[in-house]
Protein backbone atom coordinates (compact mmCIF):
# COMPACT_ATOMS: atom_id res chain seq x y z
CA MET A 1 -65.00 -18.67 65.29
CA LYS A 2 -66.86 -18.38 68.57
CA ILE A 3 -69.22 -21.36 68.71
CA MET A 4 -72.10 -21.93 71.11
CA VAL A 5 -73.59 -25.39 71.76
CA VAL A 6 -76.93 -25.43 73.55
CA GLY A 7 -77.41 -28.46 75.81
CA GLY A 8 -75.65 -30.31 78.59
CA GLY A 9 -75.58 -34.08 78.08
CA GLY A 10 -73.47 -36.83 76.55
CA ARG A 11 -74.69 -35.97 73.06
CA GLU A 12 -73.52 -32.38 73.47
CA HIS A 13 -70.16 -33.59 74.79
CA ALA A 14 -69.71 -35.70 71.65
CA ILE A 15 -70.68 -32.76 69.41
CA ILE A 16 -68.29 -30.42 71.21
CA ARG A 17 -65.40 -32.89 71.02
CA LYS A 18 -65.91 -33.20 67.26
CA LEU A 19 -66.26 -29.44 66.76
CA LYS A 20 -62.99 -28.93 68.65
CA GLU A 21 -61.19 -30.77 65.85
CA SER A 22 -62.07 -27.99 63.40
CA PRO A 23 -59.27 -25.49 62.73
CA GLU A 24 -61.92 -22.76 62.63
CA ALA A 25 -63.12 -23.42 66.18
CA GLU A 26 -61.54 -20.69 68.31
CA ILE A 27 -63.62 -21.10 71.48
CA ILE A 28 -66.67 -23.24 72.26
CA TYR A 29 -69.27 -22.32 74.87
CA ALA A 30 -71.71 -24.89 76.29
CA LEU A 31 -75.05 -23.70 77.66
CA PRO A 32 -75.30 -25.05 80.30
CA GLY A 33 -72.80 -27.91 79.71
CA ASN A 34 -71.85 -30.12 82.66
CA GLY A 35 -68.90 -31.01 84.87
CA GLY A 36 -67.29 -33.21 82.22
CA ILE A 37 -67.95 -30.92 79.27
CA ALA A 38 -66.10 -28.21 81.24
CA ALA A 39 -62.82 -29.90 80.23
CA ASP A 40 -63.60 -29.28 76.53
CA ALA A 41 -65.66 -26.08 76.48
CA GLU A 42 -66.46 -23.02 78.56
CA CYS A 43 -69.67 -23.84 80.42
CA VAL A 44 -72.19 -21.05 80.96
CA PRO A 45 -74.98 -21.61 83.56
CA ILE A 46 -77.89 -20.80 81.24
CA ALA A 47 -80.57 -23.48 80.88
CA ALA A 48 -81.13 -24.95 77.41
CA THR A 49 -84.77 -23.85 77.65
CA ASP A 50 -83.98 -20.23 78.61
CA ILE A 51 -84.38 -18.88 75.07
CA ASP A 52 -84.11 -15.21 76.08
CA GLY A 53 -80.98 -15.91 78.14
CA ILE A 54 -79.39 -17.87 75.28
CA VAL A 55 -80.06 -15.07 72.76
CA LYS A 56 -78.78 -12.39 75.17
CA PHE A 57 -75.55 -14.35 75.80
CA ALA A 58 -75.02 -14.99 72.09
CA ARG A 59 -75.38 -11.31 71.22
CA GLU A 60 -73.22 -10.02 74.08
CA THR A 61 -70.48 -12.60 73.44
CA GLY A 62 -70.40 -12.15 69.67
CA ILE A 63 -71.21 -15.79 68.85
CA ASP A 64 -70.44 -16.61 65.21
CA TYR A 65 -72.28 -19.94 65.03
CA ALA A 66 -74.75 -21.80 67.25
CA VAL A 67 -75.64 -25.49 67.49
CA VAL A 68 -78.96 -26.15 69.22
CA ALA A 69 -78.85 -29.83 70.18
CA PRO A 70 -81.78 -30.85 72.46
CA ASP A 71 -85.40 -31.28 71.42
CA ASP A 72 -87.00 -28.88 73.92
CA PRO A 73 -85.29 -25.65 72.79
CA LEU A 74 -85.71 -26.64 69.12
CA VAL A 75 -89.46 -27.15 69.55
CA MET A 76 -89.64 -23.91 71.59
CA GLY A 77 -88.10 -21.91 68.72
CA CYS A 78 -84.51 -21.34 69.88
CA VAL A 79 -83.20 -21.41 66.28
CA ASP A 80 -85.89 -18.96 65.18
CA ALA A 81 -84.94 -16.55 68.00
CA LEU A 82 -81.19 -16.73 67.27
CA GLU A 83 -81.62 -16.37 63.51
CA ALA A 84 -83.85 -13.35 64.07
CA ARG A 85 -80.82 -11.73 65.74
CA GLY A 86 -78.56 -12.62 62.81
CA ILE A 87 -76.83 -15.62 64.42
CA PRO A 88 -76.48 -18.60 62.02
CA CYS A 89 -77.57 -21.91 63.56
CA PHE A 90 -77.49 -25.66 63.07
CA GLY A 91 -80.91 -27.04 63.85
CA PRO A 92 -84.47 -26.82 62.53
CA ARG A 93 -86.83 -23.95 63.16
CA ALA A 94 -89.85 -24.59 65.38
CA ASN A 95 -92.24 -25.22 62.50
CA ALA A 96 -89.99 -28.08 61.32
CA ALA A 97 -89.06 -29.36 64.80
CA VAL A 98 -92.76 -30.23 65.19
CA ILE A 99 -91.92 -33.48 63.38
CA GLU A 100 -90.68 -34.63 66.80
CA GLY A 101 -92.68 -32.23 68.95
CA SER A 102 -95.99 -33.78 67.87
CA LYS A 103 -96.33 -37.47 67.09
CA VAL A 104 -99.82 -36.74 65.74
CA PHE A 105 -98.31 -34.30 63.22
CA ALA A 106 -95.64 -36.83 62.23
CA LYS A 107 -98.11 -39.70 61.74
CA ASN A 108 -100.49 -37.52 59.73
CA LEU A 109 -97.58 -36.32 57.56
CA MET A 110 -96.58 -39.91 56.79
CA LYS A 111 -100.16 -40.86 56.00
CA LYS A 112 -100.63 -37.89 53.67
CA TYR A 113 -97.40 -38.50 51.73
CA GLY A 114 -97.42 -42.31 51.69
CA ILE A 115 -94.35 -42.78 53.93
CA PRO A 116 -94.45 -46.32 55.39
CA THR A 117 -95.28 -46.46 59.10
CA ALA A 118 -97.46 -48.43 61.51
CA ALA A 119 -101.25 -48.17 61.19
CA TYR A 120 -102.61 -45.81 63.85
CA GLU A 121 -105.43 -43.77 65.36
CA THR A 122 -105.12 -40.48 67.27
CA PHE A 123 -107.21 -39.38 70.28
CA ASP A 124 -107.65 -36.19 72.30
CA ASN A 125 -110.40 -37.73 74.46
CA ALA A 126 -109.57 -40.41 77.02
CA ASP A 127 -113.01 -42.06 76.88
CA ALA A 128 -112.77 -42.48 73.10
CA ALA A 129 -109.26 -43.91 73.42
CA LEU A 130 -110.39 -46.39 76.07
CA ARG A 131 -113.35 -47.51 73.92
CA TYR A 132 -110.98 -48.10 71.00
CA LEU A 133 -108.75 -50.27 73.18
CA GLU A 134 -111.62 -52.63 74.00
CA THR A 135 -111.33 -54.29 70.58
CA ALA A 136 -107.87 -53.22 69.33
CA PRO A 137 -105.42 -56.07 68.57
CA LEU A 138 -102.73 -56.83 71.15
CA PRO A 139 -99.94 -56.07 71.80
CA ILE A 140 -100.47 -52.38 71.04
CA VAL A 141 -98.39 -49.20 71.29
CA ILE A 142 -99.53 -46.05 73.09
CA LYS A 143 -97.54 -42.84 72.53
CA ALA A 144 -97.87 -39.44 74.18
CA ASP A 145 -98.16 -36.81 71.45
CA GLY A 146 -95.50 -34.43 72.77
CA LEU A 147 -91.96 -34.59 74.14
CA ALA A 148 -91.51 -36.93 77.12
CA LEU A 149 -87.74 -37.42 77.57
CA GLY A 150 -87.87 -40.53 75.39
CA LYS A 151 -90.21 -42.26 77.85
CA GLY A 152 -93.65 -41.45 76.42
CA VAL A 153 -94.07 -44.78 74.62
CA ILE A 154 -95.78 -47.79 76.21
CA ILE A 155 -95.91 -51.21 74.56
CA ALA A 156 -98.95 -52.82 76.19
CA GLN A 157 -99.20 -56.61 76.19
CA THR A 158 -102.65 -56.70 77.83
CA ARG A 159 -105.81 -54.56 77.68
CA GLU A 160 -105.29 -53.54 81.30
CA GLU A 161 -101.76 -52.32 80.58
CA ALA A 162 -103.10 -50.38 77.60
CA ARG A 163 -105.89 -48.86 79.73
CA GLN A 164 -103.43 -47.81 82.44
CA ALA A 165 -101.16 -46.23 79.84
CA VAL A 166 -104.00 -44.09 78.45
CA ILE A 167 -105.27 -43.17 81.93
CA GLY A 168 -101.73 -42.26 83.06
CA MET A 169 -101.11 -40.05 80.04
CA MET A 170 -104.53 -38.47 79.46
CA ARG A 171 -106.18 -38.34 82.89
CA GLU A 172 -103.34 -38.35 85.41
CA GLY A 173 -100.96 -36.08 83.48
CA GLN A 174 -98.01 -38.46 83.65
CA PHE A 175 -96.24 -36.49 80.90
CA GLY A 176 -97.94 -33.13 81.44
CA LYS A 177 -99.42 -31.50 78.35
CA SER A 178 -97.51 -33.98 76.16
CA GLY A 179 -100.10 -36.61 77.04
CA ASN A 180 -103.19 -34.54 76.26
CA ARG A 181 -103.30 -36.29 72.87
CA VAL A 182 -102.15 -39.84 72.19
CA VAL A 183 -101.31 -41.98 69.21
CA ILE A 184 -102.38 -45.63 69.43
CA GLU A 185 -100.69 -47.73 66.78
CA GLU A 186 -100.16 -51.30 65.68
CA PHE A 187 -97.27 -53.24 67.17
CA LEU A 188 -94.62 -53.98 64.56
CA THR A 189 -91.89 -56.61 64.78
CA GLY A 190 -88.35 -56.68 63.45
CA PRO A 191 -84.92 -55.27 64.23
CA GLU A 192 -84.73 -51.54 65.01
CA VAL A 193 -82.31 -49.20 63.26
CA SER A 194 -81.42 -45.58 64.01
CA VAL A 195 -80.28 -43.43 61.08
CA LEU A 196 -79.22 -39.85 61.74
CA SER A 197 -78.94 -37.62 58.70
CA PHE A 198 -77.65 -34.21 57.70
CA THR A 199 -80.14 -32.29 55.59
CA ASP A 200 -80.38 -28.72 54.34
CA GLY A 201 -83.99 -29.13 53.28
CA HIS A 202 -83.05 -30.19 49.73
CA THR A 203 -80.15 -32.65 50.00
CA LEU A 204 -80.05 -35.44 52.58
CA VAL A 205 -76.90 -37.33 53.61
CA PRO A 206 -77.42 -40.29 55.97
CA MET A 207 -74.84 -40.87 58.69
CA VAL A 208 -73.63 -44.31 59.75
CA SER A 209 -76.52 -46.47 60.97
CA SER A 210 -76.65 -47.44 64.63
CA MET A 211 -78.52 -49.65 67.11
CA ASP A 212 -79.81 -48.28 70.41
CA HIS A 213 -80.57 -50.34 73.52
CA LYS A 214 -83.52 -48.67 75.30
CA ARG A 215 -84.38 -51.05 78.12
CA ALA A 216 -82.61 -50.70 81.46
CA GLY A 217 -81.75 -54.38 81.89
CA ASP A 218 -79.88 -57.10 80.04
CA GLY A 219 -81.89 -59.01 77.46
CA ASP A 220 -84.04 -55.92 76.81
CA THR A 221 -85.80 -56.21 80.17
CA GLY A 222 -86.90 -53.51 82.57
CA LEU A 223 -88.16 -50.00 81.94
CA ASN A 224 -87.56 -47.86 78.88
CA THR A 225 -84.70 -45.39 79.30
CA GLY A 226 -83.12 -42.65 77.22
CA GLY A 227 -80.70 -45.32 75.95
CA MET A 228 -78.23 -47.66 77.69
CA GLY A 229 -75.74 -48.08 74.85
CA THR A 230 -75.27 -48.12 71.09
CA ILE A 231 -73.26 -49.75 68.34
CA ALA A 232 -72.49 -48.65 64.78
CA PRO A 233 -72.90 -49.63 62.06
CA ASN A 234 -76.11 -51.63 62.48
CA PRO A 235 -75.75 -55.02 60.69
CA PHE A 236 -79.49 -55.12 59.93
CA TYR A 237 -79.15 -51.97 57.80
CA THR A 238 -77.98 -53.61 54.60
CA GLU A 239 -77.30 -51.85 51.28
CA ASN A 240 -80.70 -52.98 49.96
CA VAL A 241 -82.48 -51.66 53.06
CA ALA A 242 -80.55 -48.39 52.81
CA ARG A 243 -81.63 -47.89 49.19
CA GLU A 244 -85.26 -48.59 50.05
CA CYS A 245 -85.14 -46.18 52.99
CA MET A 246 -83.65 -43.42 50.84
CA ASP A 247 -86.28 -43.86 48.11
CA ARG A 248 -89.38 -44.49 50.24
CA ILE A 249 -88.65 -42.72 53.54
CA PHE A 250 -85.75 -40.25 53.69
CA LEU A 251 -86.21 -38.20 50.52
CA PRO A 252 -90.03 -38.33 50.67
CA THR A 253 -89.87 -36.95 54.23
CA ILE A 254 -87.79 -33.87 53.38
CA ARG A 255 -89.90 -33.30 50.27
CA ALA A 256 -93.06 -33.57 52.38
CA MET A 257 -91.75 -31.06 54.93
CA ARG A 258 -90.82 -28.64 52.16
CA GLU A 259 -94.24 -29.10 50.58
CA GLU A 260 -95.86 -28.29 53.91
CA GLY A 261 -93.90 -25.02 54.15
CA ARG A 262 -91.74 -26.47 56.94
CA PRO A 263 -88.31 -27.04 55.33
CA PHE A 264 -86.15 -29.12 57.67
CA LYS A 265 -82.53 -28.04 58.12
CA GLY A 266 -80.33 -29.79 60.67
CA CYS A 267 -80.06 -33.37 61.87
CA LEU A 268 -83.15 -35.43 61.08
CA TYR A 269 -83.22 -38.73 62.96
CA PHE A 270 -85.11 -41.70 61.56
CA GLY A 271 -86.11 -44.40 64.03
CA LEU A 272 -86.85 -47.41 61.83
CA MET A 273 -88.07 -50.96 62.17
CA ILE A 274 -87.15 -53.50 59.49
CA THR A 275 -90.39 -55.47 59.36
CA PRO A 276 -91.07 -58.56 57.20
CA ASP A 277 -92.88 -56.11 54.86
CA GLY A 278 -89.96 -53.70 54.64
CA PRO A 279 -88.71 -50.69 56.64
CA ARG A 280 -91.24 -48.62 58.60
CA VAL A 281 -90.81 -45.32 60.46
CA ILE A 282 -91.26 -45.77 64.20
CA GLU A 283 -90.38 -42.16 65.07
CA TYR A 284 -88.70 -39.01 63.87
CA ASN A 285 -86.40 -36.89 66.03
CA CYS A 286 -85.53 -33.33 65.10
CA ARG A 287 -81.95 -33.60 66.42
CA PHE A 288 -78.97 -35.86 67.08
CA GLY A 289 -79.96 -38.91 69.13
CA ASP A 290 -78.46 -39.70 72.51
CA PRO A 291 -76.51 -42.01 72.80
CA GLU A 292 -76.40 -42.65 69.02
CA THR A 293 -74.30 -39.50 68.57
CA GLN A 294 -71.60 -41.01 70.77
CA VAL A 295 -70.93 -43.77 68.21
CA VAL A 296 -71.77 -41.96 64.98
CA LEU A 297 -69.68 -38.79 65.32
CA PRO A 298 -66.46 -40.60 66.28
CA LEU A 299 -66.75 -42.32 62.87
CA LEU A 300 -67.13 -39.00 61.00
CA GLU A 301 -63.93 -38.20 59.09
CA SER A 302 -65.10 -34.91 57.58
CA ASP A 303 -64.92 -31.63 59.50
CA LEU A 304 -68.18 -31.38 61.49
CA LEU A 305 -68.24 -27.58 61.55
CA THR A 306 -67.85 -27.46 57.75
CA VAL A 307 -70.73 -29.92 57.30
CA MET A 308 -72.97 -28.07 59.76
CA ARG A 309 -72.35 -24.72 58.08
CA ALA A 310 -73.11 -26.32 54.68
CA VAL A 311 -76.46 -27.40 56.11
CA THR A 312 -77.18 -23.87 57.36
CA GLU A 313 -76.17 -22.31 54.04
CA GLU A 314 -78.00 -24.95 51.98
CA LYS A 315 -74.78 -26.09 50.33
CA LEU A 316 -74.78 -29.72 51.49
CA ALA A 317 -74.82 -31.02 47.90
CA GLU A 318 -71.41 -29.39 47.35
CA THR A 319 -69.87 -30.70 50.60
CA GLU A 320 -68.08 -33.99 51.19
CA VAL A 321 -69.42 -35.99 54.15
CA ARG A 322 -67.16 -38.98 54.78
CA PHE A 323 -67.39 -41.69 57.44
CA SER A 324 -64.89 -44.34 58.51
CA ASP A 325 -65.66 -47.98 57.72
CA ARG A 326 -64.61 -48.98 61.26
CA SER A 327 -67.00 -49.95 64.07
CA ALA A 328 -67.95 -48.19 67.29
CA ALA A 329 -69.59 -49.25 70.56
CA CYS A 330 -70.81 -47.10 73.46
CA VAL A 331 -71.68 -48.41 76.93
CA ILE A 332 -73.70 -46.12 79.22
CA MET A 333 -72.87 -46.13 82.93
CA ALA A 334 -75.91 -45.08 84.96
CA SER A 335 -76.95 -44.54 88.57
CA ARG A 336 -78.67 -47.62 90.00
CA GLY A 337 -82.42 -47.00 90.16
CA TYR A 338 -82.49 -45.09 86.85
CA PRO A 339 -84.89 -44.36 85.12
CA VAL A 340 -87.04 -44.00 88.26
CA SER A 341 -85.20 -42.72 91.35
CA TYR A 342 -81.51 -42.77 92.20
CA GLU A 343 -78.96 -41.23 94.55
CA LYS A 344 -76.55 -38.54 93.36
CA GLY A 345 -73.29 -37.01 94.52
CA TYR A 346 -70.90 -39.96 94.18
CA GLU A 347 -67.35 -39.13 93.11
CA ILE A 348 -66.39 -40.42 89.65
CA THR A 349 -62.89 -41.72 89.04
CA ILE A 350 -61.70 -42.13 85.44
CA PRO A 351 -58.14 -43.12 84.48
CA PRO A 352 -56.62 -40.19 82.51
CA GLU A 353 -55.80 -42.33 79.46
CA ILE A 354 -59.48 -43.28 79.13
CA LEU A 355 -60.86 -39.72 79.31
CA PRO A 356 -60.74 -39.10 75.52
CA HIS A 357 -63.16 -42.02 75.10
CA VAL A 358 -65.65 -40.86 77.76
CA TYR A 359 -68.64 -38.58 77.16
CA ILE A 360 -70.07 -37.10 80.34
CA ALA A 361 -73.86 -36.81 80.64
CA GLY A 362 -75.01 -36.45 84.27
CA ALA A 363 -72.13 -35.10 86.35
CA LYS A 364 -71.06 -31.84 87.98
CA ILE A 365 -68.03 -30.40 89.73
CA SER A 366 -68.42 -30.28 93.52
CA ASP A 367 -65.52 -29.22 95.77
CA GLY A 368 -63.18 -29.70 92.84
CA LYS A 369 -64.35 -33.27 92.20
CA LEU A 370 -66.47 -34.73 89.41
CA VAL A 371 -69.59 -36.26 91.01
CA THR A 372 -72.76 -37.88 89.70
CA SER A 373 -75.77 -35.61 89.18
CA GLY A 374 -78.07 -37.61 86.87
CA GLY A 375 -79.45 -40.99 85.89
CA ARG A 376 -77.26 -41.61 82.85
CA VAL A 377 -73.86 -40.52 84.11
CA LEU A 378 -71.49 -41.15 81.20
CA GLY A 379 -70.87 -43.12 78.03
CA VAL A 380 -67.70 -44.98 77.12
CA THR A 381 -67.03 -45.28 73.37
CA ALA A 382 -64.49 -47.47 71.57
CA VAL A 383 -63.72 -47.35 67.85
CA GLU A 384 -62.04 -50.43 66.41
CA ASP A 385 -61.65 -52.30 63.11
CA SER A 386 -64.44 -54.76 63.96
CA LEU A 387 -67.61 -54.66 66.04
CA PRO A 388 -66.58 -57.50 68.40
CA GLU A 389 -63.32 -55.67 69.12
CA ALA A 390 -65.12 -52.34 69.68
CA ILE A 391 -67.54 -53.94 72.14
CA ARG A 392 -64.72 -55.72 74.00
CA LYS A 393 -62.70 -52.50 74.25
CA ALA A 394 -65.68 -50.42 75.41
CA TYR A 395 -66.36 -52.84 78.28
CA GLU A 396 -62.68 -53.05 79.13
CA MET A 397 -62.61 -49.25 79.62
CA THR A 398 -65.99 -49.20 81.39
CA ASP A 399 -64.69 -51.64 83.99
CA ARG A 400 -61.90 -49.21 84.90
CA ILE A 401 -64.30 -46.36 85.76
CA ASN A 402 -65.75 -46.15 89.26
CA PHE A 403 -68.51 -44.31 91.09
CA GLY A 404 -70.94 -45.33 93.82
CA ASN A 405 -74.22 -46.97 92.79
CA ALA A 406 -73.03 -47.53 89.20
CA PHE A 407 -74.57 -50.03 86.83
CA CYS A 408 -74.54 -50.78 83.12
CA ARG A 409 -75.97 -53.33 80.75
CA ARG A 410 -73.53 -56.15 79.99
CA ASP A 411 -75.04 -57.12 76.62
CA ILE A 412 -74.65 -53.99 74.47
CA GLY A 413 -74.19 -55.16 70.88
CA ALA A 414 -75.04 -58.82 71.58
CA ARG A 415 -77.98 -58.78 69.17
CA ALA A 416 -75.82 -57.22 66.47
CA LEU A 417 -73.12 -59.84 66.98
CA ARG A 418 -75.68 -62.60 66.55
CA ALA A 419 -76.78 -60.99 63.29
CA LEU A 420 -73.18 -60.92 62.07
């Protein structure tokens, strides 16, 4: 089969590596891919948001199956456009991808169908939002309605911080049109859990739980990022919690989407908080998370292409999805200054024996060398029999990789180890 993967980050690298294991995978194209992905797939310089270009390439190349990985093209209708040309896809159509594309839609869906989440109010007028903040309890969470590269969420500790968040989003256009509407919701406490799931709109199969580390600095300090590292499984996601999530959150969500005429097929990501009152939905994503994918897919023992096609063909109930009971840890190496401003163009050196454990995110080939081209440069993943061993091994490999201006958090998995 000729397979096309839309996207060009560490998540896409992990997906491509797993797809390569399938005996049916003849050739894999990455649109646009990156300098590291080029070692595992044929990279094509077409942007993930160039829907017309993606469809044209797929038709001219005779693509048999497409995987649309990032949120932007999913929300823009990339799957709809490919399916209209007869190309089977993994990923939700635009009317289902709205579950991530609009936080207002997602919150209203949960309210309507009784899915547990934080109490909230929505605003499309800055003055009204600012008046609400005058008496709202602190701390409080302000979220841009639309996509914002994982950075459109502000946890405000003071009224002034809350005011500045609303002004930045709604008046100053900090996140463009994504901030035209905002969700203001109560601040919840408890450990966070990420659960990715395969679903064909009827059946839902959760993947191994994971724990992301969003803040740039050790001890969860600094700015929010796209993710500085992950571990799996998440020790806070116990069997009892898993059962409650399936009964009260996972299955009700896919039923709700079907009821709304928006059946969700693809990877549905549940961002959860385990509060003293039980699990609550913090966010939905309409795709594989990054860098959660880099620890979850290495633990998948079933053939990924087979599972993805079962999702597309609505045959997930008949398909075995099996995960290893081992542990995985991923450490992200980033360019110093991320997520604000950073220098690019530093050569990356990776020992050859480590390469199979490295997922490239922000790098390109320049004069025959792999050089940095983004904030999050790469992720290093170790799979071992225990979580402490996986974390130790991931850092051991990370310390053997070099590029100028590199930094990483040194406490990935520390919270999970304390829980164990």
